[in-house]
Amino acid sequence: MPEEIIPLAAVSDDVGVSPDEREAAASGRAEREKGAASQHPAMSARRPHNPRRPRRAGRREERARPEFDQKIISIRRVTRVMAGGRRFSFSVAMVAGNKSGTVGVGIGKAGDTQLAIEKAFRDARKHMITVPMNEEQNIPHDVKTKYAASEIMIMPAPGRGIVAGSSVRTVLELAGVKDVTAKVLSRSKNKLNNARAAINALASLRS
């Protein structure tokens, strides 16, 4: 007679294993599970500090706040045609101020953007002005100036905040002026000229 074939799925893993061996295997499995649970970070106690590993000195020291805040109002890529081909550089216009009455506008040109920003910041610090303001940081009177094709008017407006557009708002914010209304009377869209017109207007104030 042919031998009867028994499927593998029907064969139990415990075939040929004595009850004592089965009990020993179960107890070993339980001990392994218990050891794995004890090593889990949520179930185990905090490990003691390794004496060979130095402790961190604590929180890092907070960086000192810079003296002047800065904001880029214009960045352009300039192309210059030379005998050997084109040369590219970057032109950055920036406003810098301490929001306490000191503000300036500067420009920087370089082949690298970061270097142009640094040059613009140095130029802005070199050409800073002091704005005459009262204790509430309001300007004393109306002022109207013109620079190149840009013409602006700045007027005190108590209780309204800063109402201005273009780069004039940036100049007023970094100067620390509050409660003013500014109007660009010209059609010029040049942000650098508008910012310099605002600087001239603030510089012409009389306390």
N, C-alpha and C. Protein backbone atom coordinates (compact mmCIF):
# COMPACT_ATOMS: atom_id res chain seq x y z
N MET A 1 0.85 -1.20 0.00
CA MET A 1 0.00 0.00 0.00
C MET A 1 0.88 1.25 0.00
N PRO A 2 0.43 2.29 -0.70
CA PRO A 2 1.25 3.53 -0.69
C PRO A 2 1.17 4.21 0.67
N GLU A 3 2.27 4.86 1.02
CA GLU A 3 2.31 5.53 2.32
C GLU A 3 1.42 6.77 2.30
N GLU A 4 0.78 7.04 3.45
CA GLU A 4 -0.11 8.20 3.57
C GLU A 4 0.73 9.46 3.77
N ILE A 5 0.46 10.49 2.99
CA ILE A 5 1.21 11.75 3.06
C ILE A 5 0.46 12.70 3.99
N ILE A 6 1.16 13.20 5.01
CA ILE A 6 0.56 14.12 5.99
C ILE A 6 1.03 15.53 5.66
N PRO A 7 0.10 16.48 5.53
CA PRO A 7 0.53 17.87 5.24
C PRO A 7 1.40 18.42 6.36
N LEU A 8 2.35 19.34 5.96
CA LEU A 8 3.25 19.93 6.95
C LEU A 8 2.50 20.81 7.93
N ALA A 9 1.41 21.48 7.47
CA ALA A 9 0.66 22.36 8.37
C ALA A 9 0.02 21.60 9.50
N ALA A 10 -0.21 20.30 9.27
CA ALA A 10 -0.88 19.50 10.29
C ALA A 10 0.10 18.98 11.32
N VAL A 11 1.40 19.14 11.06
CA VAL A 11 2.40 18.64 12.00
C VAL A 11 2.66 19.69 13.04
N SER A 12 2.55 19.39 14.31
CA SER A 12 2.75 20.35 15.39
C SER A 12 4.22 20.44 15.70
N ASP A 13 4.63 21.65 16.20
CA ASP A 13 6.02 21.84 16.59
C ASP A 13 6.38 21.05 17.83
N ASP A 14 5.39 20.59 18.57
CA ASP A 14 5.65 19.89 19.83
C ASP A 14 5.72 18.38 19.65
N VAL A 15 5.70 17.91 18.37
CA VAL A 15 5.76 16.46 18.15
C VAL A 15 7.13 15.94 18.57
N GLY A 16 7.18 14.93 19.35
CA GLY A 16 8.43 14.34 19.79
C GLY A 16 9.09 15.09 20.94
N VAL A 17 8.39 16.06 21.56
CA VAL A 17 8.95 16.82 22.68
C VAL A 17 8.26 16.38 23.95
N SER A 18 9.04 16.06 24.95
CA SER A 18 8.49 15.60 26.22
C SER A 18 7.87 16.75 26.99
N PRO A 19 6.96 16.47 27.94
CA PRO A 19 6.35 17.56 28.73
C PRO A 19 7.37 18.38 29.50
N ASP A 20 8.45 17.76 30.03
CA ASP A 20 9.46 18.51 30.79
C ASP A 20 10.19 19.50 29.89
N GLU A 21 10.53 19.05 28.67
CA GLU A 21 11.22 19.96 27.75
C GLU A 21 10.30 21.11 27.33
N ARG A 22 9.01 20.79 27.13
CA ARG A 22 8.07 21.84 26.76
C ARG A 22 7.94 22.88 27.86
N GLU A 23 7.92 22.47 29.11
CA GLU A 23 7.79 23.40 30.24
C GLU A 23 9.05 24.26 30.37
N ALA A 24 10.24 23.65 30.16
CA ALA A 24 11.48 24.40 30.25
C ALA A 24 11.56 25.46 29.15
N ALA A 25 11.10 25.11 27.93
CA ALA A 25 11.10 26.08 26.84
C ALA A 25 10.16 27.24 27.12
N ALA A 26 9.00 26.95 27.70
CA ALA A 26 8.04 28.01 28.02
C ALA A 26 8.59 28.94 29.08
N SER A 27 9.24 28.38 30.11
CA SER A 27 9.81 29.23 31.16
C SER A 27 10.95 30.09 30.61
N GLY A 28 11.78 29.55 29.70
CA GLY A 28 12.86 30.33 29.10
C GLY A 28 12.31 31.46 28.25
N ARG A 29 11.22 31.19 27.51
CA ARG A 29 10.60 32.23 26.71
C ARG A 29 10.04 33.35 27.58
N ALA A 30 9.45 33.00 28.70
CA ALA A 30 8.90 34.01 29.61
C ALA A 30 10.01 34.88 30.19
N GLU A 31 11.15 34.26 30.53
CA GLU A 31 12.26 35.05 31.08
C GLU A 31 12.82 36.02 30.04
N ARG A 32 12.89 35.56 28.77
CA ARG A 32 13.39 36.45 27.71
C ARG A 32 12.45 37.64 27.50
N GLU A 33 11.13 37.39 27.51
CA GLU A 33 10.17 38.47 27.36
C GLU A 33 10.24 39.45 28.52
N LYS A 34 10.45 38.91 29.73
CA LYS A 34 10.56 39.77 30.90
C LYS A 34 11.81 40.66 30.81
N GLY A 35 12.93 40.08 30.33
CA GLY A 35 14.15 40.86 30.18
C GLY A 35 14.01 41.95 29.12
N ALA A 36 13.32 41.62 28.00
CA ALA A 36 13.11 42.64 26.96
C ALA A 36 12.23 43.77 27.47
N ALA A 37 11.22 43.44 28.28
CA ALA A 37 10.35 44.48 28.82
C ALA A 37 11.09 45.37 29.80
N SER A 38 12.02 44.77 30.56
CA SER A 38 12.77 45.59 31.53
C SER A 38 13.73 46.55 30.83
N GLN A 39 14.17 46.22 29.59
CA GLN A 39 15.07 47.10 28.85
C GLN A 39 14.33 48.18 28.08
N HIS A 40 13.00 48.10 28.01
CA HIS A 40 12.24 49.12 27.29
C HIS A 40 12.32 50.44 28.04
N PRO A 41 12.56 51.58 27.36
CA PRO A 41 12.74 52.86 28.07
C PRO A 41 11.51 53.28 28.86
N ALA A 42 10.31 52.87 28.42
CA ALA A 42 9.12 53.29 29.13
C ALA A 42 8.89 52.49 30.39
N MET A 43 9.50 51.27 30.50
CA MET A 43 9.26 50.39 31.63
C MET A 43 10.46 50.26 32.54
N SER A 44 11.61 50.63 32.06
CA SER A 44 12.81 50.49 32.87
C SER A 44 13.13 51.76 33.61
N ALA A 45 13.86 51.64 34.70
CA ALA A 45 14.28 52.82 35.47
C ALA A 45 15.39 53.55 34.72
N ARG A 46 15.61 54.82 35.09
CA ARG A 46 16.63 55.63 34.42
C ARG A 46 18.01 55.08 34.72
N ARG A 47 18.81 54.95 33.66
CA ARG A 47 20.14 54.40 33.84
C ARG A 47 21.04 55.38 34.58
N PRO A 48 21.95 54.89 35.40
CA PRO A 48 22.87 55.81 36.10
C PRO A 48 23.82 56.47 35.11
N HIS A 49 24.30 57.66 35.49
CA HIS A 49 25.19 58.43 34.62
C HIS A 49 26.54 57.73 34.49
N ASN A 50 27.05 57.70 33.27
CA ASN A 50 28.35 57.11 33.02
C ASN A 50 29.43 58.08 33.52
N PRO A 51 30.26 57.65 34.49
CA PRO A 51 31.26 58.61 35.03
C PRO A 51 32.31 59.01 34.01
N ARG A 52 32.53 58.18 32.96
CA ARG A 52 33.54 58.52 31.97
C ARG A 52 33.06 59.54 30.95
N ARG A 53 31.77 59.74 30.88
CA ARG A 53 31.21 60.69 29.92
C ARG A 53 30.92 62.01 30.64
N PRO A 54 31.56 63.10 30.24
CA PRO A 54 31.34 64.38 30.96
C PRO A 54 29.94 64.91 30.71
N ARG A 55 29.40 65.55 31.72
CA ARG A 55 28.08 66.14 31.61
C ARG A 55 28.16 67.45 30.82
N ARG A 56 27.05 67.80 30.19
CA ARG A 56 27.01 69.05 29.45
C ARG A 56 26.98 70.22 30.42
N ALA A 57 27.57 71.30 29.99
CA ALA A 57 27.71 72.45 30.88
C ALA A 57 26.36 73.11 31.17
N GLY A 58 25.33 72.77 30.41
CA GLY A 58 24.02 73.39 30.61
C GLY A 58 23.53 73.99 29.31
N ARG A 59 22.56 74.85 29.41
CA ARG A 59 22.01 75.48 28.21
C ARG A 59 23.04 76.42 27.57
N ARG A 60 22.93 76.49 26.27
CA ARG A 60 23.82 77.39 25.57
C ARG A 60 23.49 78.84 25.91
N GLU A 61 24.50 79.67 25.91
CA GLU A 61 24.27 81.08 26.18
C GLU A 61 23.52 81.71 25.02
N GLU A 62 22.54 82.54 25.36
CA GLU A 62 21.76 83.20 24.34
C GLU A 62 22.62 84.21 23.59
N ARG A 63 22.41 84.25 22.27
CA ARG A 63 23.18 85.18 21.46
C ARG A 63 22.76 86.62 21.76
N ALA A 64 23.74 87.48 21.78
CA ALA A 64 23.46 88.88 22.05
C ALA A 64 22.71 89.49 20.87
N ARG A 65 21.68 90.26 21.18
CA ARG A 65 20.87 90.87 20.14
C ARG A 65 21.69 91.95 19.45
N PRO A 66 21.67 91.99 18.11
CA PRO A 66 22.46 93.02 17.41
C PRO A 66 21.96 94.41 17.73
N GLU A 67 22.86 95.37 17.62
CA GLU A 67 22.52 96.75 17.96
C GLU A 67 21.50 97.33 17.00
N PHE A 68 21.61 96.99 15.72
CA PHE A 68 20.71 97.54 14.71
C PHE A 68 19.95 96.41 14.02
N ASP A 69 18.66 96.64 13.80
CA ASP A 69 17.87 95.74 12.96
C ASP A 69 18.08 96.15 11.50
N GLN A 70 17.97 95.18 10.62
CA GLN A 70 18.20 95.46 9.20
C GLN A 70 17.15 94.76 8.36
N LYS A 71 16.86 95.37 7.22
CA LYS A 71 15.88 94.80 6.29
C LYS A 71 16.25 95.18 4.87
N ILE A 72 16.28 94.18 4.00
CA ILE A 72 16.61 94.42 2.59
C ILE A 72 15.36 94.92 1.88
N ILE A 73 15.48 96.03 1.18
CA ILE A 73 14.34 96.57 0.43
C ILE A 73 14.46 96.31 -1.06
N SER A 74 15.68 96.01 -1.53
CA SER A 74 15.85 95.76 -2.96
C SER A 74 17.11 94.94 -3.17
N ILE A 75 17.02 93.94 -4.05
CA ILE A 75 18.19 93.15 -4.44
C ILE A 75 18.08 92.87 -5.94
N ARG A 76 19.12 93.24 -6.67
CA ARG A 76 19.11 93.12 -8.13
C ARG A 76 20.37 92.43 -8.62
N ARG A 77 20.23 91.67 -9.69
CA ARG A 77 21.40 91.09 -10.34
C ARG A 77 21.77 91.96 -11.53
N VAL A 78 22.98 92.46 -11.50
CA VAL A 78 23.44 93.41 -12.53
C VAL A 78 24.38 92.67 -13.48
N THR A 79 24.16 92.86 -14.77
CA THR A 79 25.00 92.24 -15.80
C THR A 79 25.83 93.32 -16.50
N ARG A 80 27.12 93.09 -16.56
CA ARG A 80 28.01 94.03 -17.24
C ARG A 80 28.72 93.29 -18.38
N VAL A 81 28.63 93.81 -19.57
CA VAL A 81 29.21 93.17 -20.75
C VAL A 81 30.65 93.65 -20.90
N MET A 82 31.57 92.69 -20.85
CA MET A 82 32.99 92.99 -20.99
C MET A 82 33.51 92.38 -22.30
N ALA A 83 34.79 92.58 -22.57
CA ALA A 83 35.38 92.06 -23.79
C ALA A 83 35.37 90.53 -23.78
N GLY A 84 35.56 89.92 -22.62
CA GLY A 84 35.59 88.46 -22.54
C GLY A 84 34.24 87.82 -22.33
N GLY A 85 33.19 88.60 -22.19
CA GLY A 85 31.86 88.06 -21.96
C GLY A 85 31.12 88.89 -20.92
N ARG A 86 30.11 88.28 -20.31
CA ARG A 86 29.30 88.98 -19.32
C ARG A 86 29.81 88.70 -17.90
N ARG A 87 29.70 89.72 -17.08
CA ARG A 87 30.06 89.57 -15.67
C ARG A 87 28.84 89.95 -14.82
N PHE A 88 28.53 89.07 -13.87
CA PHE A 88 27.36 89.26 -13.04
C PHE A 88 27.77 89.74 -11.65
N SER A 89 26.98 90.63 -11.10
CA SER A 89 27.18 91.09 -9.73
C SER A 89 25.81 91.38 -9.13
N PHE A 90 25.78 91.59 -7.82
CA PHE A 90 24.52 91.82 -7.11
C PHE A 90 24.56 93.19 -6.45
N SER A 91 23.43 93.88 -6.51
CA SER A 91 23.27 95.18 -5.87
C SER A 91 22.17 95.07 -4.82
N VAL A 92 22.49 95.41 -3.58
CA VAL A 92 21.56 95.27 -2.46
C VAL A 92 21.33 96.63 -1.83
N ALA A 93 20.07 97.00 -1.62
CA ALA A 93 19.69 98.21 -0.89
C ALA A 93 19.08 97.79 0.44
N MET A 94 19.54 98.40 1.50
CA MET A 94 19.15 97.95 2.84
C MET A 94 18.86 99.15 3.74
N VAL A 95 17.92 98.93 4.68
CA VAL A 95 17.62 99.91 5.72
C VAL A 95 18.02 99.30 7.05
N ALA A 96 18.72 100.07 7.88
CA ALA A 96 19.14 99.61 9.21
C ALA A 96 18.77 100.66 10.23
N GLY A 97 18.33 100.22 11.41
CA GLY A 97 17.96 101.15 12.47
C GLY A 97 17.81 100.42 13.79
N ASN A 98 17.78 101.19 14.87
CA ASN A 98 17.65 100.60 16.21
C ASN A 98 16.26 100.78 16.80
N LYS A 99 15.30 101.31 16.03
CA LYS A 99 13.92 101.53 16.46
C LYS A 99 13.84 102.48 17.65
N SER A 100 14.85 103.31 17.80
CA SER A 100 14.86 104.30 18.88
C SER A 100 15.28 105.67 18.38
N GLY A 101 15.10 105.93 17.09
CA GLY A 101 15.43 107.24 16.56
C GLY A 101 16.63 107.29 15.65
N THR A 102 17.29 106.17 15.43
CA THR A 102 18.47 106.13 14.55
C THR A 102 18.18 105.21 13.37
N VAL A 103 18.38 105.71 12.16
CA VAL A 103 18.08 104.92 10.97
C VAL A 103 18.98 105.39 9.83
N GLY A 104 19.24 104.48 8.88
CA GLY A 104 20.07 104.81 7.73
C GLY A 104 19.78 103.88 6.57
N VAL A 105 20.10 104.34 5.37
CA VAL A 105 19.92 103.57 4.14
C VAL A 105 21.28 103.42 3.48
N GLY A 106 21.59 102.21 3.00
CA GLY A 106 22.87 101.97 2.33
C GLY A 106 22.71 100.99 1.20
N ILE A 107 23.68 101.00 0.30
CA ILE A 107 23.70 100.06 -0.82
C ILE A 107 25.06 99.35 -0.83
N GLY A 108 25.07 98.14 -1.36
CA GLY A 108 26.30 97.36 -1.48
C GLY A 108 26.30 96.57 -2.77
N LYS A 109 27.45 96.50 -3.41
CA LYS A 109 27.58 95.78 -4.68
C LYS A 109 28.75 94.82 -4.58
N ALA A 110 28.53 93.56 -4.98
CA ALA A 110 29.59 92.55 -4.94
C ALA A 110 29.17 91.38 -5.83
N GLY A 111 30.13 90.51 -6.09
CA GLY A 111 29.84 89.33 -6.88
C GLY A 111 29.10 88.26 -6.12
N ASP A 112 29.10 88.35 -4.77
CA ASP A 112 28.41 87.39 -3.92
C ASP A 112 27.30 88.12 -3.17
N THR A 113 26.17 87.45 -2.99
CA THR A 113 25.03 88.09 -2.33
C THR A 113 25.35 88.44 -0.88
N GLN A 114 25.96 87.52 -0.15
CA GLN A 114 26.26 87.76 1.26
C GLN A 114 27.23 88.93 1.43
N LEU A 115 28.22 89.01 0.57
CA LEU A 115 29.17 90.11 0.65
C LEU A 115 28.50 91.44 0.32
N ALA A 116 27.57 91.43 -0.63
CA ALA A 116 26.83 92.65 -0.97
C ALA A 116 25.96 93.10 0.21
N ILE A 117 25.37 92.15 0.93
CA ILE A 117 24.55 92.50 2.10
C ILE A 117 25.41 93.12 3.19
N GLU A 118 26.60 92.56 3.41
CA GLU A 118 27.49 93.13 4.43
C GLU A 118 27.93 94.54 4.05
N LYS A 119 28.23 94.76 2.77
CA LYS A 119 28.61 96.10 2.33
C LYS A 119 27.46 97.09 2.51
N ALA A 120 26.25 96.64 2.20
CA ALA A 120 25.09 97.52 2.34
C ALA A 120 24.85 97.89 3.80
N PHE A 121 25.06 96.94 4.70
CA PHE A 121 24.87 97.22 6.13
C PHE A 121 25.91 98.22 6.63
N ARG A 122 27.16 98.05 6.20
CA ARG A 122 28.20 99.00 6.60
C ARG A 122 27.90 100.39 6.05
N ASP A 123 27.42 100.46 4.82
CA ASP A 123 27.09 101.76 4.23
C ASP A 123 25.92 102.41 4.96
N ALA A 124 24.93 101.59 5.38
CA ALA A 124 23.79 102.15 6.11
C ALA A 124 24.22 102.68 7.47
N ARG A 125 25.13 101.97 8.15
CA ARG A 125 25.62 102.45 9.45
C ARG A 125 26.42 103.75 9.29
N LYS A 126 27.10 103.89 8.16
CA LYS A 126 27.94 105.07 7.93
C LYS A 126 27.08 106.32 7.69
N HIS A 127 25.87 106.13 7.15
CA HIS A 127 25.03 107.27 6.78
C HIS A 127 23.76 107.32 7.62
N MET A 128 23.86 107.03 8.90
CA MET A 128 22.69 107.06 9.77
C MET A 128 22.38 108.48 10.25
N ILE A 129 21.10 108.71 10.52
CA ILE A 129 20.65 110.00 11.03
C ILE A 129 19.90 109.76 12.34
N THR A 130 19.71 110.83 13.10
CA THR A 130 18.93 110.78 14.35
C THR A 130 17.64 111.56 14.14
N VAL A 131 16.51 110.92 14.38
CA VAL A 131 15.20 111.52 14.14
C VAL A 131 14.73 112.22 15.41
N PRO A 132 14.40 113.51 15.35
CA PRO A 132 13.87 114.19 16.54
C PRO A 132 12.43 113.75 16.82
N MET A 133 12.19 113.17 17.99
CA MET A 133 10.87 112.69 18.38
C MET A 133 10.60 113.07 19.83
N ASN A 134 9.32 113.05 20.20
CA ASN A 134 8.96 113.30 21.59
C ASN A 134 8.97 111.99 22.38
N GLU A 135 8.45 112.03 23.59
CA GLU A 135 8.49 110.84 24.45
C GLU A 135 7.62 109.71 23.90
N GLU A 136 6.56 110.05 23.19
CA GLU A 136 5.68 109.02 22.59
C GLU A 136 6.19 108.55 21.24
N GLN A 137 7.38 108.97 20.85
CA GLN A 137 8.00 108.62 19.57
C GLN A 137 7.16 109.09 18.39
N ASN A 138 6.64 110.30 18.51
CA ASN A 138 5.90 110.94 17.42
C ASN A 138 6.74 112.09 16.86
N ILE A 139 6.59 112.33 15.56
CA ILE A 139 7.31 113.44 14.95
C ILE A 139 6.60 114.75 15.28
N PRO A 140 7.33 115.87 15.31
CA PRO A 140 6.71 117.13 15.78
C PRO A 140 5.81 117.82 14.76
N HIS A 141 6.04 117.65 13.45
CA HIS A 141 5.25 118.40 12.47
C HIS A 141 5.28 117.69 11.13
N ASP A 142 4.49 118.22 10.17
CA ASP A 142 4.46 117.67 8.82
C ASP A 142 5.76 118.01 8.10
N VAL A 143 6.11 117.16 7.13
CA VAL A 143 7.31 117.41 6.35
C VAL A 143 7.10 116.84 4.96
N LYS A 144 7.63 117.56 3.96
CA LYS A 144 7.51 117.13 2.57
C LYS A 144 8.84 117.34 1.88
N THR A 145 9.36 116.29 1.25
CA THR A 145 10.66 116.37 0.59
C THR A 145 10.61 115.65 -0.75
N LYS A 146 11.66 115.92 -1.54
CA LYS A 146 11.79 115.28 -2.85
C LYS A 146 13.24 114.82 -3.02
N TYR A 147 13.41 113.58 -3.49
CA TYR A 147 14.73 113.06 -3.80
C TYR A 147 14.65 112.40 -5.17
N ALA A 148 15.46 112.90 -6.11
CA ALA A 148 15.42 112.40 -7.49
C ALA A 148 13.97 112.53 -7.99
N ALA A 149 13.38 111.42 -8.43
CA ALA A 149 12.00 111.48 -8.93
C ALA A 149 10.98 111.14 -7.85
N SER A 150 11.44 110.87 -6.63
CA SER A 150 10.53 110.47 -5.54
C SER A 150 10.17 111.70 -4.71
N GLU A 151 8.91 111.85 -4.42
CA GLU A 151 8.41 112.94 -3.59
C GLU A 151 7.44 112.36 -2.57
N ILE A 152 7.68 112.60 -1.28
CA ILE A 152 6.85 112.02 -0.23
C ILE A 152 6.48 113.10 0.78
N MET A 153 5.41 112.80 1.52
CA MET A 153 4.96 113.66 2.61
C MET A 153 4.71 112.78 3.83
N ILE A 154 5.20 113.23 4.99
CA ILE A 154 5.02 112.51 6.25
C ILE A 154 4.31 113.43 7.22
N MET A 155 3.23 112.93 7.83
CA MET A 155 2.42 113.74 8.74
C MET A 155 2.16 112.97 10.03
N PRO A 156 2.19 113.62 11.17
CA PRO A 156 1.84 112.94 12.43
C PRO A 156 0.35 112.63 12.47
N ALA A 157 0.00 111.45 12.97
CA ALA A 157 -1.40 111.02 13.06
C ALA A 157 -1.58 110.26 14.36
N PRO A 158 -1.83 110.95 15.47
CA PRO A 158 -1.94 110.28 16.78
C PRO A 158 -3.04 109.22 16.80
N GLY A 159 -2.68 108.05 17.29
CA GLY A 159 -3.64 106.96 17.45
C GLY A 159 -3.89 106.14 16.21
N ARG A 160 -3.21 106.38 15.10
CA ARG A 160 -3.48 105.64 13.86
C ARG A 160 -2.41 104.61 13.55
N GLY A 161 -1.28 104.67 14.23
CA GLY A 161 -0.19 103.77 13.90
C GLY A 161 0.56 104.26 12.68
N ILE A 162 1.29 103.33 12.04
CA ILE A 162 2.06 103.68 10.84
C ILE A 162 1.21 103.36 9.62
N VAL A 163 0.85 104.41 8.88
CA VAL A 163 0.09 104.24 7.63
C VAL A 163 1.01 104.71 6.51
N ALA A 164 1.67 103.76 5.87
CA ALA A 164 2.63 104.08 4.81
C ALA A 164 2.82 102.85 3.94
N GLY A 165 3.39 103.07 2.78
CA GLY A 165 3.63 101.98 1.86
C GLY A 165 5.04 102.03 1.31
N SER A 166 5.32 101.08 0.44
CA SER A 166 6.62 100.98 -0.21
C SER A 166 7.73 100.87 0.85
N SER A 167 8.91 101.35 0.52
CA SER A 167 10.03 101.28 1.46
C SER A 167 9.97 102.37 2.52
N VAL A 168 9.04 103.33 2.38
CA VAL A 168 8.89 104.38 3.39
C VAL A 168 8.45 103.77 4.72
N ARG A 169 7.60 102.78 4.66
CA ARG A 169 7.15 102.11 5.89
C ARG A 169 8.32 101.43 6.60
N THR A 170 9.20 100.80 5.83
CA THR A 170 10.37 100.15 6.43
C THR A 170 11.25 101.16 7.15
N VAL A 171 11.46 102.31 6.54
CA VAL A 171 12.28 103.35 7.17
C VAL A 171 11.64 103.82 8.47
N LEU A 172 10.33 104.06 8.46
CA LEU A 172 9.64 104.56 9.65
C LEU A 172 9.65 103.52 10.77
N GLU A 173 9.48 102.24 10.42
CA GLU A 173 9.48 101.19 11.44
C GLU A 173 10.84 101.06 12.09
N LEU A 174 11.91 101.02 11.30
CA LEU A 174 13.25 100.84 11.87
C LEU A 174 13.73 102.12 12.56
N ALA A 175 13.13 103.26 12.24
CA ALA A 175 13.46 104.49 12.96
C ALA A 175 12.76 104.55 14.30
N GLY A 176 11.69 103.76 14.46
CA GLY A 176 10.95 103.77 15.72
C GLY A 176 9.86 104.81 15.78
N VAL A 177 9.53 105.42 14.65
CA VAL A 177 8.48 106.44 14.63
C VAL A 177 7.11 105.76 14.73
N LYS A 178 6.23 106.34 15.54
CA LYS A 178 4.89 105.79 15.72
C LYS A 178 3.84 106.84 15.37
N ASP A 179 2.67 106.34 14.98
CA ASP A 179 1.51 107.19 14.70
C ASP A 179 1.83 108.25 13.65
N VAL A 180 2.15 107.81 12.44
CA VAL A 180 2.41 108.73 11.33
C VAL A 180 1.69 108.22 10.09
N THR A 181 1.44 109.15 9.20
CA THR A 181 0.88 108.82 7.89
C THR A 181 1.83 109.35 6.83
N ALA A 182 2.20 108.50 5.90
CA ALA A 182 3.13 108.89 4.83
C ALA A 182 2.44 108.67 3.48
N LYS A 183 2.69 109.57 2.57
CA LYS A 183 2.09 109.50 1.24
C LYS A 183 3.17 109.72 0.20
N VAL A 184 3.25 108.80 -0.76
CA VAL A 184 4.19 108.95 -1.88
C VAL A 184 3.46 109.74 -2.96
N LEU A 185 3.87 110.97 -3.17
CA LEU A 185 3.17 111.87 -4.10
C LEU A 185 3.58 111.63 -5.55
N SER A 186 4.74 111.06 -5.77
CA SER A 186 5.23 110.84 -7.13
C SER A 186 4.79 109.47 -7.63
N ARG A 187 5.08 109.21 -8.88
CA ARG A 187 4.77 107.91 -9.48
C ARG A 187 5.97 106.96 -9.46
N SER A 188 7.02 107.38 -8.81
CA SER A 188 8.24 106.57 -8.82
C SER A 188 8.03 105.27 -8.04
N LYS A 189 8.47 104.16 -8.62
CA LYS A 189 8.41 102.85 -7.98
C LYS A 189 9.79 102.41 -7.48
N ASN A 190 10.75 103.31 -7.57
CA ASN A 190 12.11 102.98 -7.14
C ASN A 190 12.16 102.95 -5.61
N LYS A 191 12.36 101.77 -5.03
CA LYS A 191 12.32 101.64 -3.57
C LYS A 191 13.49 102.34 -2.91
N LEU A 192 14.65 102.33 -3.56
CA LEU A 192 15.81 103.00 -2.98
C LEU A 192 15.60 104.51 -2.92
N ASN A 193 15.07 105.11 -4.00
CA ASN A 193 14.81 106.54 -4.00
C ASN A 193 13.73 106.91 -2.99
N ASN A 194 12.69 106.08 -2.86
CA ASN A 194 11.65 106.36 -1.88
C ASN A 194 12.20 106.29 -0.46
N ALA A 195 13.07 105.32 -0.19
CA ALA A 195 13.67 105.22 1.14
C ALA A 195 14.56 106.42 1.43
N ARG A 196 15.35 106.85 0.46
CA ARG A 196 16.22 108.01 0.68
C ARG A 196 15.40 109.29 0.81
N ALA A 197 14.28 109.38 0.12
CA ALA A 197 13.41 110.53 0.30
C ALA A 197 12.84 110.56 1.72
N ALA A 198 12.50 109.37 2.25
CA ALA A 198 12.01 109.30 3.64
C ALA A 198 13.10 109.69 4.62
N ILE A 199 14.34 109.27 4.36
CA ILE A 199 15.45 109.65 5.23
C ILE A 199 15.64 111.17 5.22
N ASN A 200 15.59 111.78 4.03
CA ASN A 200 15.74 113.25 3.94
C ASN A 200 14.60 113.96 4.67
N ALA A 201 13.39 113.38 4.59
CA ALA A 201 12.25 114.00 5.26
C ALA A 201 12.44 113.94 6.78
N LEU A 202 12.87 112.82 7.30
CA LEU A 202 13.08 112.69 8.75
C LEU A 202 14.24 113.56 9.21
N ALA A 203 15.27 113.70 8.35
CA ALA A 203 16.42 114.52 8.74
C ALA A 203 16.08 116.01 8.75
N SER A 204 15.06 116.41 8.01
CA SER A 204 14.71 117.84 7.95
C SER A 204 13.75 118.25 9.05
N LEU A 205 13.37 117.34 9.94
CA LEU A 205 12.47 117.69 11.03
C LEU A 205 13.17 118.58 12.03
N ARG A 206 12.41 119.47 12.63
CA ARG A 206 12.93 120.36 13.66
C ARG A 206 12.15 120.13 14.95
N SER A 207 12.86 119.85 16.01
CA SER A 207 12.20 119.55 17.28
C SER A 207 11.69 120.82 17.96
